[in-house]
Amino acid sequence: MSRRKCIALIAHDEKKDDMAAFALRNDAILSRARIVATGTTGSRVLEACPGLDVTRLKSGPLGGDQQIGALIATGEVDLLIFFVDPLTPMPHDVDVKALMRLAIVYDIPMALTRATAERLLAAPGD
């Protein structure tokens, strides 16, 4: 029996509404996956899509980004969707860069925009 795909969801504060709307639009696809998300992002996704299997981790600045990075390093994450707000300074920018570096090192598909995330979810093999 094959394991379900694991998708990590993260959104900066100004992108959380976008992530909730993205999850609602893609509820049918996301429902076939296990979702891990940073704290508030996970809460917002669950509000929009209460039927999803979402594991909420810590808030990004409190270690949630690093928790997802650890899941990437152990091979548990298959896809990273991270809606980044490029216009707002982030005090935990170092953690964000480390997370992106891990996704690159472990060759995990990574979407930083809704348009890319939509294409990755629609890709064959889902």
PDB file of N, CA and C in Angstrom:
ATOM      1  N   MET A   1       0.847  -1.177   0.000  1.00  0.00           N
ATOM      2  CA  MET A   1       0.000   0.000   0.000  1.00  0.00           C
ATOM      3  C   MET A   1       0.892   1.239   0.000  1.00  0.00           C
ATOM      4  N   SER A   2       0.674   2.139  -0.927  1.00  0.00           N
ATOM      5  CA  SER A   2       1.511   3.324  -1.012  1.00  0.00           C
ATOM      6  C   SER A   2       1.017   4.388  -0.035  1.00  0.00           C
ATOM      7  N   ARG A   3       1.945   5.182   0.421  1.00  0.00           N
ATOM      8  CA  ARG A   3       1.571   6.247   1.364  1.00  0.00           C
ATOM      9  C   ARG A   3       1.004   7.434   0.599  1.00  0.00           C
ATOM     10  N   ARG A   4       0.180   8.196   1.290  1.00  0.00           N
ATOM     11  CA  ARG A   4      -0.382   9.402   0.673  1.00  0.00           C
ATOM     12  C   ARG A   4       0.701  10.462   0.547  1.00  0.00           C
ATOM     13  N   LYS A   5       0.599  11.237  -0.502  1.00  0.00           N
ATOM     14  CA  LYS A   5       1.518  12.351  -0.713  1.00  0.00           C
ATOM     15  C   LYS A   5       1.374  13.333   0.451  1.00  0.00           C
ATOM     16  N   CYS A   6       2.488  13.902   0.875  1.00  0.00           N
ATOM     17  CA  CYS A   6       2.478  14.905   1.932  1.00  0.00           C
ATOM     18  C   CYS A   6       2.810  16.266   1.320  1.00  0.00           C
ATOM     19  N   ILE A   7       1.921  17.223   1.542  1.00  0.00           N
ATOM     20  CA  ILE A   7       2.096  18.579   1.032  1.00  0.00           C
ATOM     21  C   ILE A   7       2.254  19.523   2.216  1.00  0.00           C
ATOM     22  N   ALA A   8       3.319  20.331   2.193  1.00  0.00           N
ATOM     23  CA  ALA A   8       3.546  21.334   3.235  1.00  0.00           C
ATOM     24  C   ALA A   8       3.006  22.675   2.758  1.00  0.00           C
ATOM     25  N   LEU A   9       2.231  23.332   3.607  1.00  0.00           N
ATOM     26  CA  LEU A   9       1.648  24.638   3.289  1.00  0.00           C
ATOM     27  C   LEU A   9       2.126  25.679   4.291  1.00  0.00           C
ATOM     28  N   ILE A  10       2.637  26.779   3.748  1.00  0.00           N
ATOM     29  CA  ILE A  10       3.089  27.906   4.569  1.00  0.00           C
ATOM     30  C   ILE A  10       2.655  29.176   3.845  1.00  0.00           C
ATOM     31  N   ALA A  11       2.258  30.180   4.603  1.00  0.00           N
ATOM     32  CA  ALA A  11       1.925  31.472   3.999  1.00  0.00           C
ATOM     33  C   ALA A  11       2.315  32.584   4.958  1.00  0.00           C
ATOM     34  N   HIS A  12       2.989  33.579   4.428  1.00  0.00           N
ATOM     35  CA  HIS A  12       3.260  34.763   5.227  1.00  0.00           C
ATOM     36  C   HIS A  12       1.939  35.440   5.575  1.00  0.00           C
ATOM     37  N   ASP A  13       1.948  36.280   6.593  1.00  0.00           N
ATOM     38  CA  ASP A  13       0.720  36.883   7.106  1.00  0.00           C
ATOM     39  C   ASP A  13      -0.148  37.509   6.018  1.00  0.00           C
ATOM     40  N   GLU A  14       0.450  38.276   5.133  1.00  0.00           N
ATOM     41  CA  GLU A  14      -0.321  38.964   4.094  1.00  0.00           C
ATOM     42  C   GLU A  14      -0.797  38.018   2.982  1.00  0.00           C
ATOM     43  N   LYS A  15      -0.389  36.750   3.039  1.00  0.00           N
ATOM     44  CA  LYS A  15      -0.773  35.769   2.020  1.00  0.00           C
ATOM     45  C   LYS A  15      -1.677  34.665   2.566  1.00  0.00           C
ATOM     46  N   LYS A  16      -2.043  34.745   3.835  1.00  0.00           N
ATOM     47  CA  LYS A  16      -2.859  33.685   4.434  1.00  0.00           C
ATOM     48  C   LYS A  16      -4.255  33.602   3.809  1.00  0.00           C
ATOM     49  N   ASP A  17      -4.855  34.751   3.473  1.00  0.00           N
ATOM     50  CA  ASP A  17      -6.147  34.728   2.783  1.00  0.00           C
ATOM     51  C   ASP A  17      -6.013  34.030   1.433  1.00  0.00           C
ATOM     52  N   ASP A  18      -4.916  34.321   0.728  1.00  0.00           N
ATOM     53  CA  ASP A  18      -4.668  33.675  -0.567  1.00  0.00           C
ATOM     54  C   ASP A  18      -4.528  32.159  -0.401  1.00  0.00           C
ATOM     55  N   MET A  19      -3.844  31.734   0.670  1.00  0.00           N
ATOM     56  CA  MET A  19      -3.657  30.297   0.892  1.00  0.00           C
ATOM     57  C   MET A  19      -4.992  29.629   1.205  1.00  0.00           C
ATOM     58  N   ALA A  20      -5.822  30.267   2.028  1.00  0.00           N
ATOM     59  CA  ALA A  20      -7.136  29.695   2.350  1.00  0.00           C
ATOM     60  C   ALA A  20      -7.986  29.570   1.084  1.00  0.00           C
ATOM     61  N   ALA A  21      -7.962  30.594   0.249  1.00  0.00           N
ATOM     62  CA  ALA A  21      -8.724  30.558  -1.008  1.00  0.00           C
ATOM     63  C   ALA A  21      -8.166  29.489  -1.943  1.00  0.00           C
ATOM     64  N   PHE A  22      -6.850  29.363  -1.998  1.00  0.00           N
ATOM     65  CA  PHE A  22      -6.203  28.329  -2.821  1.00  0.00           C
ATOM     66  C   PHE A  22      -6.641  26.939  -2.350  1.00  0.00           C
ATOM     67  N   ALA A  23      -6.634  26.725  -1.039  1.00  0.00           N
ATOM     68  CA  ALA A  23      -7.034  25.424  -0.494  1.00  0.00           C
ATOM     69  C   ALA A  23      -8.493  25.121  -0.833  1.00  0.00           C
ATOM     70  N   LEU A  24      -9.344  26.113  -0.720  1.00  0.00           N
ATOM     71  CA  LEU A  24     -10.762  25.907  -1.024  1.00  0.00           C
ATOM     72  C   LEU A  24     -10.948  25.540  -2.503  1.00  0.00           C
ATOM     73  N   ARG A  25     -10.242  26.239  -3.395  1.00  0.00           N
ATOM     74  CA  ARG A  25     -10.336  25.948  -4.836  1.00  0.00           C
ATOM     75  C   ARG A  25      -9.804  24.563  -5.176  1.00  0.00           C
ATOM     76  N   ASN A  26      -8.851  24.089  -4.384  1.00  0.00           N
ATOM     77  CA  ASN A  26      -8.194  22.820  -4.677  1.00  0.00           C
ATOM     78  C   ASN A  26      -8.498  21.752  -3.635  1.00  0.00           C
ATOM     79  N   ASP A  27      -9.609  21.912  -2.946  1.00  0.00           N
ATOM     80  CA  ASP A  27      -9.992  20.995  -1.877  1.00  0.00           C
ATOM     81  C   ASP A  27      -9.998  19.536  -2.332  1.00  0.00           C
ATOM     82  N   ALA A  28     -10.530  19.254  -3.510  1.00  0.00           N
ATOM     83  CA  ALA A  28     -10.621  17.867  -3.985  1.00  0.00           C
ATOM     84  C   ALA A  28      -9.240  17.235  -4.150  1.00  0.00           C
ATOM     85  N   ILE A  29      -8.287  17.985  -4.664  1.00  0.00           N
ATOM     86  CA  ILE A  29      -6.927  17.448  -4.838  1.00  0.00           C
ATOM     87  C   ILE A  29      -6.237  17.335  -3.489  1.00  0.00           C
ATOM     88  N   LEU A  30      -6.342  18.380  -2.670  1.00  0.00           N
ATOM     89  CA  LEU A  30      -5.678  18.372  -1.364  1.00  0.00           C
ATOM     90  C   LEU A  30      -6.242  17.297  -0.442  1.00  0.00           C
ATOM     91  N   SER A  31      -7.504  16.935  -0.621  1.00  0.00           N
ATOM     92  CA  SER A  31      -8.118  15.921   0.243  1.00  0.00           C
ATOM     93  C   SER A  31      -7.494  14.541   0.047  1.00  0.00           C
ATOM     94  N   ARG A  32      -6.788  14.345  -1.053  1.00  0.00           N
ATOM     95  CA  ARG A  32      -6.117  13.058  -1.295  1.00  0.00           C
ATOM     96  C   ARG A  32      -4.730  13.009  -0.657  1.00  0.00           C
ATOM     97  N   ALA A  33      -4.310  14.137  -0.059  1.00  0.00           N
ATOM     98  CA  ALA A  33      -2.968  14.228   0.508  1.00  0.00           C
ATOM     99  C   ALA A  33      -3.023  14.439   2.013  1.00  0.00           C
ATOM    100  N   ARG A  34      -1.909  14.186   2.628  1.00  0.00           N
ATOM    101  CA  ARG A  34      -1.698  14.569   4.025  1.00  0.00           C
ATOM    102  C   ARG A  34      -1.092  15.962   3.972  1.00  0.00           C
ATOM    103  N   ILE A  35      -1.614  16.881   4.766  1.00  0.00           N
ATOM    104  CA  ILE A  35      -1.147  18.258   4.766  1.00  0.00           C
ATOM    105  C   ILE A  35      -0.437  18.538   6.088  1.00  0.00           C
ATOM    106  N   VAL A  36       0.741  19.144   6.002  1.00  0.00           N
ATOM    107  CA  VAL A  36       1.394  19.708   7.183  1.00  0.00           C
ATOM    108  C   VAL A  36       1.482  21.202   6.932  1.00  0.00           C
ATOM    109  N   ALA A  37       1.251  21.989   7.968  1.00  0.00           N
ATOM    110  CA  ALA A  37       1.236  23.436   7.799  1.00  0.00           C
ATOM    111  C   ALA A  37       1.737  24.111   9.059  1.00  0.00           C
ATOM    112  N   THR A  38       2.306  25.297   8.881  1.00  0.00           N
ATOM    113  CA  THR A  38       2.653  26.092  10.045  1.00  0.00           C
ATOM    114  C   THR A  38       1.354  26.521  10.730  1.00  0.00           C
ATOM    115  N   GLY A  39       1.454  26.888  11.989  1.00  0.00           N
ATOM    116  CA  GLY A  39       0.303  27.087  12.866  1.00  0.00           C
ATOM    117  C   GLY A  39      -0.881  27.859  12.334  1.00  0.00           C
ATOM    118  N   THR A  40      -0.712  29.151  12.103  1.00  0.00           N
ATOM    119  CA  THR A  40      -1.840  29.977  11.677  1.00  0.00           C
ATOM    120  C   THR A  40      -2.285  29.615  10.271  1.00  0.00           C
ATOM    121  N   THR A  41      -1.344  29.315   9.397  1.00  0.00           N
ATOM    122  CA  THR A  41      -1.712  28.897   8.042  1.00  0.00           C
ATOM    123  C   THR A  41      -2.584  27.652   8.109  1.00  0.00           C
ATOM    124  N   GLY A  42      -2.196  26.687   8.923  1.00  0.00           N
ATOM    125  CA  GLY A  42      -2.988  25.474   9.081  1.00  0.00           C
ATOM    126  C   GLY A  42      -4.381  25.756   9.609  1.00  0.00           C
ATOM    127  N   SER A  43      -4.487  26.677  10.550  1.00  0.00           N
ATOM    128  CA  SER A  43      -5.804  27.049  11.088  1.00  0.00           C
ATOM    129  C   SER A  43      -6.682  27.658  10.010  1.00  0.00           C
ATOM    130  N   ARG A  44      -6.105  28.542   9.200  1.00  0.00           N
ATOM    131  CA  ARG A  44      -6.865  29.202   8.142  1.00  0.00           C
ATOM    132  C   ARG A  44      -7.313  28.204   7.077  1.00  0.00           C
ATOM    133  N   VAL A  45      -6.441  27.246   6.742  1.00  0.00           N
ATOM    134  CA  VAL A  45      -6.796  26.223   5.756  1.00  0.00           C
ATOM    135  C   VAL A  45      -7.922  25.354   6.308  1.00  0.00           C
ATOM    136  N   LEU A  46      -7.843  24.979   7.572  1.00  0.00           N
ATOM    137  CA  LEU A  46      -8.900  24.163   8.179  1.00  0.00           C
ATOM    138  C   LEU A  46     -10.236  24.908   8.255  1.00  0.00           C
ATOM    139  N   GLU A  47     -10.200  26.219   8.491  1.00  0.00           N
ATOM    140  CA  GLU A  47     -11.429  27.007   8.485  1.00  0.00           C
ATOM    141  C   GLU A  47     -12.086  26.964   7.106  1.00  0.00           C
ATOM    142  N   ALA A  48     -11.250  27.062   6.062  1.00  0.00           N
ATOM    143  CA  ALA A  48     -11.767  27.066   4.688  1.00  0.00           C
ATOM    144  C   ALA A  48     -12.191  25.672   4.244  1.00  0.00           C
ATOM    145  N   CYS A  49     -11.467  24.656   4.709  1.00  0.00           N
ATOM    146  CA  CYS A  49     -11.691  23.268   4.260  1.00  0.00           C
ATOM    147  C   CYS A  49     -11.644  22.343   5.467  1.00  0.00           C
ATOM    148  N   PRO A  50     -12.709  22.290   6.267  1.00  0.00           N
ATOM    149  CA  PRO A  50     -12.682  21.514   7.504  1.00  0.00           C
ATOM    150  C   PRO A  50     -12.449  20.015   7.319  1.00  0.00           C
ATOM    151  N   GLY A  51     -12.657  19.485   6.124  1.00  0.00           N
ATOM    152  CA  GLY A  51     -12.493  18.055   5.912  1.00  0.00           C
ATOM    153  C   GLY A  51     -11.075  17.619   5.589  1.00  0.00           C
ATOM    154  N   LEU A  52     -10.160  18.562   5.427  1.00  0.00           N
ATOM    155  CA  LEU A  52      -8.780  18.188   5.074  1.00  0.00           C
ATOM    156  C   LEU A  52      -8.047  17.594   6.273  1.00  0.00           C
ATOM    157  N   ASP A  53      -7.094  16.719   5.981  1.00  0.00           N
ATOM    158  CA  ASP A  53      -6.219  16.123   6.982  1.00  0.00           C
ATOM    159  C   ASP A  53      -5.013  17.049   7.136  1.00  0.00           C
ATOM    160  N   VAL A  54      -5.108  17.992   8.092  1.00  0.00           N
ATOM    161  CA  VAL A  54      -4.057  18.992   8.290  1.00  0.00           C
ATOM    162  C   VAL A  54      -3.415  18.806   9.650  1.00  0.00           C
ATOM    163  N   THR A  55      -2.108  18.631   9.652  1.00  0.00           N
ATOM    164  CA  THR A  55      -1.335  18.612  10.891  1.00  0.00           C
ATOM    165  C   THR A  55      -0.737  19.999  11.065  1.00  0.00           C
ATOM    166  N   ARG A  56      -1.142  20.683  12.125  1.00  0.00           N
ATOM    167  CA  ARG A  56      -0.626  22.026  12.396  1.00  0.00           C
ATOM    168  C   ARG A  56       0.643  21.926  13.232  1.00  0.00           C
ATOM    169  N   LEU A  57       1.681  22.594  12.763  1.00  0.00           N
ATOM    170  CA  LEU A  57       2.943  22.666  13.490  1.00  0.00           C
ATOM    171  C   LEU A  57       3.007  24.024  14.185  1.00  0.00           C
ATOM    172  N   LYS A  58       4.161  24.388  14.672  1.00  0.00           N
ATOM    173  CA  LYS A  58       4.319  25.688  15.316  1.00  0.00           C
ATOM    174  C   LYS A  58       4.211  26.809  14.284  1.00  0.00           C
ATOM    175  N   SER A  59       3.976  28.005  14.760  1.00  0.00           N
ATOM    176  CA  SER A  59       3.997  29.184  13.903  1.00  0.00           C
ATOM    177  C   SER A  59       5.385  29.290  13.268  1.00  0.00           C
ATOM    178  N   GLY A  60       5.453  29.834  12.059  1.00  0.00           N
ATOM    179  CA  GLY A  60       6.736  29.952  11.353  1.00  0.00           C
ATOM    180  C   GLY A  60       7.843  30.577  12.181  1.00  0.00           C
ATOM    181  N   PRO A  61       7.633  31.773  12.749  1.00  0.00           N
ATOM    182  CA  PRO A  61       8.690  32.416  13.528  1.00  0.00           C
ATOM    183  C   PRO A  61       9.051  31.669  14.814  1.00  0.00           C
ATOM    184  N   LEU A  62       8.165  30.784  15.270  1.00  0.00           N
ATOM    185  CA  LEU A  62       8.428  30.033  16.508  1.00  0.00           C
ATOM    186  C   LEU A  62       8.976  28.631  16.248  1.00  0.00           C
ATOM    187  N   GLY A  63       9.369  28.363  15.004  1.00  0.00           N
ATOM    188  CA  GLY A  63       9.988  27.076  14.692  1.00  0.00           C
ATOM    189  C   GLY A  63       9.248  26.233  13.681  1.00  0.00           C
ATOM    190  N   GLY A  64       8.073  26.667  13.236  1.00  0.00           N
ATOM    191  CA  GLY A  64       7.300  25.877  12.278  1.00  0.00           C
ATOM    192  C   GLY A  64       8.021  25.683  10.955  1.00  0.00           C
ATOM    193  N   ASP A  65       8.709  26.741  10.475  1.00  0.00           N
ATOM    194  CA  ASP A  65       9.485  26.611   9.238  1.00  0.00           C
ATOM    195  C   ASP A  65      10.549  25.527   9.407  1.00  0.00           C
ATOM    196  N   GLN A  66      11.199  25.520  10.565  1.00  0.00           N
ATOM    197  CA  GLN A  66      12.241  24.526  10.828  1.00  0.00           C
ATOM    198  C   GLN A  66      11.658  23.124  10.972  1.00  0.00           C
ATOM    199  N   GLN A  67      10.464  23.014  11.556  1.00  0.00           N
ATOM    200  CA  GLN A  67       9.819  21.702  11.646  1.00  0.00           C
ATOM    201  C   GLN A  67       9.544  21.147  10.251  1.00  0.00           C
ATOM    202  N   ILE A  68       9.051  21.994   9.354  1.00  0.00           N
ATOM    203  CA  ILE A  68       8.807  21.538   7.983  1.00  0.00           C
ATOM    204  C   ILE A  68      10.124  21.198   7.306  1.00  0.00           C
ATOM    205  N   GLY A  69      11.158  21.980   7.566  1.00  0.00           N
ATOM    206  CA  GLY A  69      12.485  21.662   7.030  1.00  0.00           C
ATOM    207  C   GLY A  69      12.961  20.292   7.477  1.00  0.00           C
ATOM    208  N   ALA A  70      12.719  19.950   8.735  1.00  0.00           N
ATOM    209  CA  ALA A  70      13.099  18.631   9.234  1.00  0.00           C
ATOM    210  C   ALA A  70      12.319  17.527   8.528  1.00  0.00           C
ATOM    211  N   LEU A  71      11.036  17.769   8.256  1.00  0.00           N
ATOM    212  CA  LEU A  71      10.229  16.783   7.533  1.00  0.00           C
ATOM    213  C   LEU A  71      10.726  16.614   6.098  1.00  0.00           C
ATOM    214  N   ILE A  72      11.204  17.701   5.499  1.00  0.00           N
ATOM    215  CA  ILE A  72      11.790  17.602   4.157  1.00  0.00           C
ATOM    216  C   ILE A  72      13.051  16.754   4.222  1.00  0.00           C
ATOM    217  N   ALA A  73      13.900  17.018   5.216  1.00  0.00           N
ATOM    218  CA  ALA A  73      15.174  16.295   5.342  1.00  0.00           C
ATOM    219  C   ALA A  73      14.977  14.808   5.602  1.00  0.00           C
ATOM    220  N   THR A  74      13.867  14.436   6.234  1.00  0.00           N
ATOM    221  CA  THR A  74      13.618  13.015   6.517  1.00  0.00           C
ATOM    222  C   THR A  74      12.789  12.350   5.422  1.00  0.00           C
ATOM    223  N   GLY A  75      12.525  13.082   4.343  1.00  0.00           N
ATOM    224  CA  GLY A  75      11.825  12.497   3.202  1.00  0.00           C
ATOM    225  C   GLY A  75      10.323  12.402   3.353  1.00  0.00           C
ATOM    226  N   GLU A  76       9.750  13.133   4.301  1.00  0.00           N
ATOM    227  CA  GLU A  76       8.313  13.031   4.550  1.00  0.00           C
ATOM    228  C   GLU A  76       7.470  14.021   3.744  1.00  0.00           C
ATOM    229  N   VAL A  77       8.084  15.064   3.190  1.00  0.00           N
ATOM    230  CA  VAL A  77       7.349  16.071   2.417  1.00  0.00           C
ATOM    231  C   VAL A  77       7.618  15.855   0.941  1.00  0.00           C
ATOM    232  N   ASP A  78       6.549  15.813   0.154  1.00  0.00           N
ATOM    233  CA  ASP A  78       6.654  15.600  -1.291  1.00  0.00           C
ATOM    234  C   ASP A  78       6.517  16.885  -2.093  1.00  0.00           C
ATOM    235  N   LEU A  79       5.896  17.910  -1.502  1.00  0.00           N
ATOM    236  CA  LEU A  79       5.648  19.163  -2.206  1.00  0.00           C
ATOM    237  C   LEU A  79       5.558  20.275  -1.175  1.00  0.00           C
ATOM    238  N   LEU A  80       6.230  21.397  -1.443  1.00  0.00           N
ATOM    239  CA  LEU A  80       6.194  22.565  -0.571  1.00  0.00           C
ATOM    240  C   LEU A  80       5.482  23.695  -1.302  1.00  0.00           C
ATOM    241  N   ILE A  81       4.414  24.205  -0.693  1.00  0.00           N
ATOM    242  CA  ILE A  81       3.716  25.372  -1.220  1.00  0.00           C
ATOM    243  C   ILE A  81       3.866  26.468  -0.168  1.00  0.00           C
ATOM    244  N   PHE A  82       4.585  27.511  -0.535  1.00  0.00           N
ATOM    245  CA  PHE A  82       4.940  28.579   0.399  1.00  0.00           C
ATOM    246  C   PHE A  82       4.593  29.913  -0.257  1.00  0.00           C
ATOM    247  N   PHE A  83       3.461  30.482   0.138  1.00  0.00           N
ATOM    248  CA  PHE A  83       3.049  31.769  -0.415  1.00  0.00           C
ATOM    249  C   PHE A  83       3.819  32.866   0.320  1.00  0.00           C
ATOM    250  N   VAL A  84       4.812  33.401  -0.362  1.00  0.00           N
ATOM    251  CA  VAL A  84       5.738  34.382   0.193  1.00  0.00           C
ATOM    252  C   VAL A  84       5.221  35.791  -0.086  1.00  0.00           C
ATOM    253  N   ASP A  85       5.336  36.662   0.903  1.00  0.00           N
ATOM    254  CA  ASP A  85       5.018  38.076   0.713  1.00  0.00           C
ATOM    255  C   ASP A  85       6.332  38.823   0.524  1.00  0.00           C
ATOM    256  N   PRO A  86       6.668  39.176  -0.717  1.00  0.00           N
ATOM    257  CA  PRO A  86       7.959  39.813  -0.969  1.00  0.00           C
ATOM    258  C   PRO A  86       8.006  41.278  -0.540  1.00  0.00           C
ATOM    259  N   LEU A  87       6.886  41.864  -0.141  1.00  0.00           N
ATOM    260  CA  LEU A  87       6.841  43.290   0.172  1.00  0.00           C
ATOM    261  C   LEU A  87       6.913  43.607   1.664  1.00  0.00           C
ATOM    262  N   THR A  88       6.871  42.584   2.508  1.00  0.00           N
ATOM    263  CA  THR A  88       6.914  42.794   3.950  1.00  0.00           C
ATOM    264  C   THR A  88       8.186  42.184   4.522  1.00  0.00           C
ATOM    265  N   PRO A  89       8.965  42.976   5.281  1.00  0.00           N
ATOM    266  CA  PRO A  89      10.183  42.418   5.894  1.00  0.00           C
ATOM    267  C   PRO A  89       9.822  41.327   6.902  1.00  0.00           C
ATOM    268  N   MET A  90      10.589  40.263   6.892  1.00  0.00           N
ATOM    269  CA  MET A  90      10.339  39.138   7.792  1.00  0.00           C
ATOM    270  C   MET A  90      11.489  39.015   8.795  1.00  0.00           C
ATOM    271  N   PRO A  91      11.162  39.065  10.092  1.00  0.00           N
ATOM    272  CA  PRO A  91      12.237  38.935  11.083  1.00  0.00           C
ATOM    273  C   PRO A  91      12.880  37.546  11.073  1.00  0.00           C
ATOM    274  N   HIS A  92      12.162  36.537  10.603  1.00  0.00           N
ATOM    275  CA  HIS A  92      12.708  35.175  10.564  1.00  0.00           C
ATOM    276  C   HIS A  92      13.126  34.791   9.146  1.00  0.00           C
ATOM    277  N   ASP A  93      13.600  35.768   8.386  1.00  0.00           N
ATOM    278  CA  ASP A  93      14.002  35.548   6.996  1.00  0.00           C
ATOM    279  C   ASP A  93      15.069  34.456   6.862  1.00  0.00           C
ATOM    280  N   VAL A  94      15.935  34.340   7.858  1.00  0.00           N
ATOM    281  CA  VAL A  94      16.981  33.309   7.826  1.00  0.00           C
ATOM    282  C   VAL A  94      16.347  31.917   7.814  1.00  0.00           C
ATOM    283  N   ASP A  95      15.291  31.720   8.599  1.00  0.00           N
ATOM    284  CA  ASP A  95      14.597  30.426   8.629  1.00  0.00           C
ATOM    285  C   ASP A  95      13.941  30.126   7.294  1.00  0.00           C
ATOM    286  N   VAL A  96      13.367  31.151   6.679  1.00  0.00           N
ATOM    287  CA  VAL A  96      12.710  30.985   5.381  1.00  0.00           C
ATOM    288  C   VAL A  96      13.735  30.555   4.330  1.00  0.00           C
ATOM    289  N   LYS A  97      14.872  31.216   4.325  1.00  0.00           N
ATOM    290  CA  LYS A  97      15.929  30.869   3.368  1.00  0.00           C
ATOM    291  C   LYS A  97      16.435  29.448   3.614  1.00  0.00           C
ATOM    292  N   ALA A  98      16.561  29.062   4.864  1.00  0.00           N
ATOM    293  CA  ALA A  98      17.014  27.701   5.187  1.00  0.00           C
ATOM    294  C   ALA A  98      16.004  26.671   4.693  1.00  0.00           C
ATOM    295  N   LEU A  99      14.731  26.961   4.843  1.00  0.00           N
ATOM    296  CA  LEU A  99      13.687  26.049   4.376  1.00  0.00           C
ATOM    297  C   LEU A  99      13.746  25.901   2.856  1.00  0.00           C
ATOM    298  N   MET A 100      13.880  27.001   2.163  1.00  0.00           N
ATOM    299  CA  MET A 100      13.981  26.942   0.702  1.00  0.00           C
ATOM    300  C   MET A 100      15.238  26.178   0.271  1.00  0.00           C
ATOM    301  N   ARG A 101      16.324  26.394   0.979  1.00  0.00           N
ATOM    302  CA  ARG A 101      17.567  25.674   0.664  1.00  0.00           C
ATOM    303  C   ARG A 101      17.368  24.173   0.819  1.00  0.00           C
ATOM    304  N   LEU A 102      16.701  23.738   1.881  1.00  0.00           N
ATOM    305  CA  LEU A 102      16.445  22.310   2.073  1.00  0.00           C
ATOM    306  C   LEU A 102      15.582  21.739   0.956  1.00  0.00           C
ATOM    307  N   ALA A 103      14.569  22.489   0.545  1.00  0.00           N
ATOM    308  CA  ALA A 103      13.722  22.017  -0.555  1.00  0.00           C
ATOM    309  C   ALA A 103      14.548  21.836  -1.822  1.00  0.00           C
ATOM    310  N   ILE A 104      15.486  22.734  -2.052  1.00  0.00           N
ATOM    311  CA  ILE A 104      16.360  22.625  -3.225  1.00  0.00           C
ATOM    312  C   ILE A 104      17.322  21.453  -3.076  1.00  0.00           C
ATOM    313  N   VAL A 105      17.951  21.334  -1.921  1.00  0.00           N
ATOM    314  CA  VAL A 105      18.919  20.246  -1.683  1.00  0.00           C
ATOM    315  C   VAL A 105      18.260  18.880  -1.850  1.00  0.00           C
ATOM    316  N   TYR A 106      17.051  18.726  -1.333  1.00  0.00           N
ATOM    317  CA  TYR A 106      16.357  17.439  -1.396  1.00  0.00           C
ATOM    318  C   TYR A 106      15.455  17.308  -2.624  1.00  0.00           C
ATOM    319  N   ASP A 107      15.548  18.263  -3.535  1.00  0.00           N
ATOM    320  CA  ASP A 107      14.839  18.234  -4.809  1.00  0.00           C
ATOM    321  C   ASP A 107      13.327  18.062  -4.632  1.00  0.00           C
ATOM    322  N   ILE A 108      12.777  18.865  -3.729  1.00  0.00           N
ATOM    323  CA  ILE A 108      11.336  18.849  -3.463  1.00  0.00           C
ATOM    324  C   ILE A 108      10.691  19.920  -4.337  1.00  0.00           C
ATOM    325  N   PRO A 109       9.673  19.597  -5.108  1.00  0.00           N
ATOM    326  CA  PRO A 109       8.978  20.638  -5.866  1.00  0.00           C
ATOM    327  C   PRO A 109       8.480  21.721  -4.906  1.00  0.00           C
ATOM    328  N   MET A 110       8.715  22.981  -5.287  1.00  0.00           N
ATOM    329  CA  MET A 110       8.393  24.098  -4.403  1.00  0.00           C
ATOM    330  C   MET A 110       7.683  25.185  -5.203  1.00  0.00           C
ATOM    331  N   ALA A 111       6.538  25.607  -4.703  1.00  0.00           N
ATOM    332  CA  ALA A 111       5.793  26.702  -5.324  1.00  0.00           C
ATOM    333  C   ALA A 111       5.796  27.880  -4.362  1.00  0.00           C
ATOM    334  N   LEU A 112       6.169  29.034  -4.877  1.00  0.00           N
ATOM    335  CA  LEU A 112       6.170  30.249  -4.063  1.00  0.00           C
ATOM    336  C   LEU A 112       5.050  31.200  -4.458  1.00  0.00           C
ATOM    337  N   THR A 113       4.297  30.828  -5.490  1.00  0.00           N
ATOM    338  CA  THR A 113       3.165  31.643  -5.940  1.00  0.00           C
ATOM    339  C   THR A 113       1.976  30.726  -6.205  1.00  0.00           C
ATOM    340  N   ARG A 114       0.791  31.323  -6.215  1.00  0.00           N
ATOM    341  CA  ARG A 114      -0.423  30.551  -6.499  1.00  0.00           C
ATOM    342  C   ARG A 114      -0.364  29.918  -7.878  1.00  0.00           C
ATOM    343  N   ALA A 115       0.107  30.672  -8.871  1.00  0.00           N
ATOM    344  CA  ALA A 115       0.154  30.154 -10.241  1.00  0.00           C
ATOM    345  C   ALA A 115       1.014  28.892 -10.327  1.00  0.00           C
ATOM    346  N   THR A 116       2.157  28.900  -9.679  1.00  0.00           N
ATOM    347  CA  THR A 116       3.020  27.723  -9.688  1.00  0.00           C
ATOM    348  C   THR A 116       2.388  26.575  -8.907  1.00  0.00           C
ATOM    349  N   ALA A 117       1.777  26.889  -7.775  1.00  0.00           N
ATOM    350  CA  ALA A 117       1.140  25.859  -6.952  1.00  0.00           C
ATOM    351  C   ALA A 117       0.021  25.170  -7.731  1.00  0.00           C
ATOM    352  N   GLU A 118      -0.782  25.956  -8.453  1.00  0.00           N
ATOM    353  CA  GLU A 118      -1.862  25.380  -9.254  1.00  0.00           C
ATOM    354  C   GLU A 118      -1.308  24.392 -10.289  1.00  0.00           C
ATOM    355  N   ARG A 119      -0.212  24.765 -10.933  1.00  0.00           N
ATOM    356  CA  ARG A 119       0.384  23.897 -11.953  1.00  0.00           C
ATOM    357  C   ARG A 119       0.973  22.629 -11.351  1.00  0.00           C
ATOM    358  N   LEU A 120       1.613  22.758 -10.193  1.00  0.00           N
ATOM    359  CA  LEU A 120       2.178  21.573  -9.555  1.00  0.00           C
ATOM    360  C   LEU A 120       1.085  20.593  -9.112  1.00  0.00           C
ATOM    361  N   LEU A 121      -0.009  21.126  -8.580  1.00  0.00           N
ATOM    362  CA  LEU A 121      -1.110  20.235  -8.181  1.00  0.00           C
ATOM    363  C   LEU A 121      -1.748  19.556  -9.377  1.00  0.00           C
ATOM    364  N   ALA A 122      -1.779  20.226 -10.513  1.00  0.00           N
ATOM    365  CA  ALA A 122      -2.403  19.672 -11.717  1.00  0.00           C
ATOM    366  C   ALA A 122      -1.482  18.727 -12.491  1.00  0.00           C
ATOM    367  N   ALA A 123      -0.215  18.670 -12.074  1.00  0.00           N
ATOM    368  CA  ALA A 123       0.758  17.842 -12.798  1.00  0.00           C
ATOM    369  C   ALA A 123       0.388  16.358 -12.712  1.00  0.00           C
ATOM    370  N   PRO A 124       0.679  15.592 -13.763  1.00  0.00           N
ATOM    371  CA  PRO A 124       0.395  14.150 -13.738  1.00  0.00           C
ATOM    372  C   PRO A 124       1.096  13.476 -12.552  1.00  0.00           C
ATOM    373  N   GLY A 125       0.500  12.410 -12.104  1.00  0.00           N
ATOM    374  CA  GLY A 125       1.085  11.644 -10.999  1.00  0.00           C
ATOM    375  C   GLY A 125       0.474  11.974  -9.654  1.00  0.00           C
ATOM    376  N   ASP A 126      -0.501  12.867  -9.631  1.00  0.00           N
ATOM    377  CA  ASP A 126      -1.158  13.206  -8.361  1.00  0.00           C
ATOM    378  C   ASP A 126      -2.206  12.190  -8.003  1.00  0.00           C
TER     379      ASP A 126
END
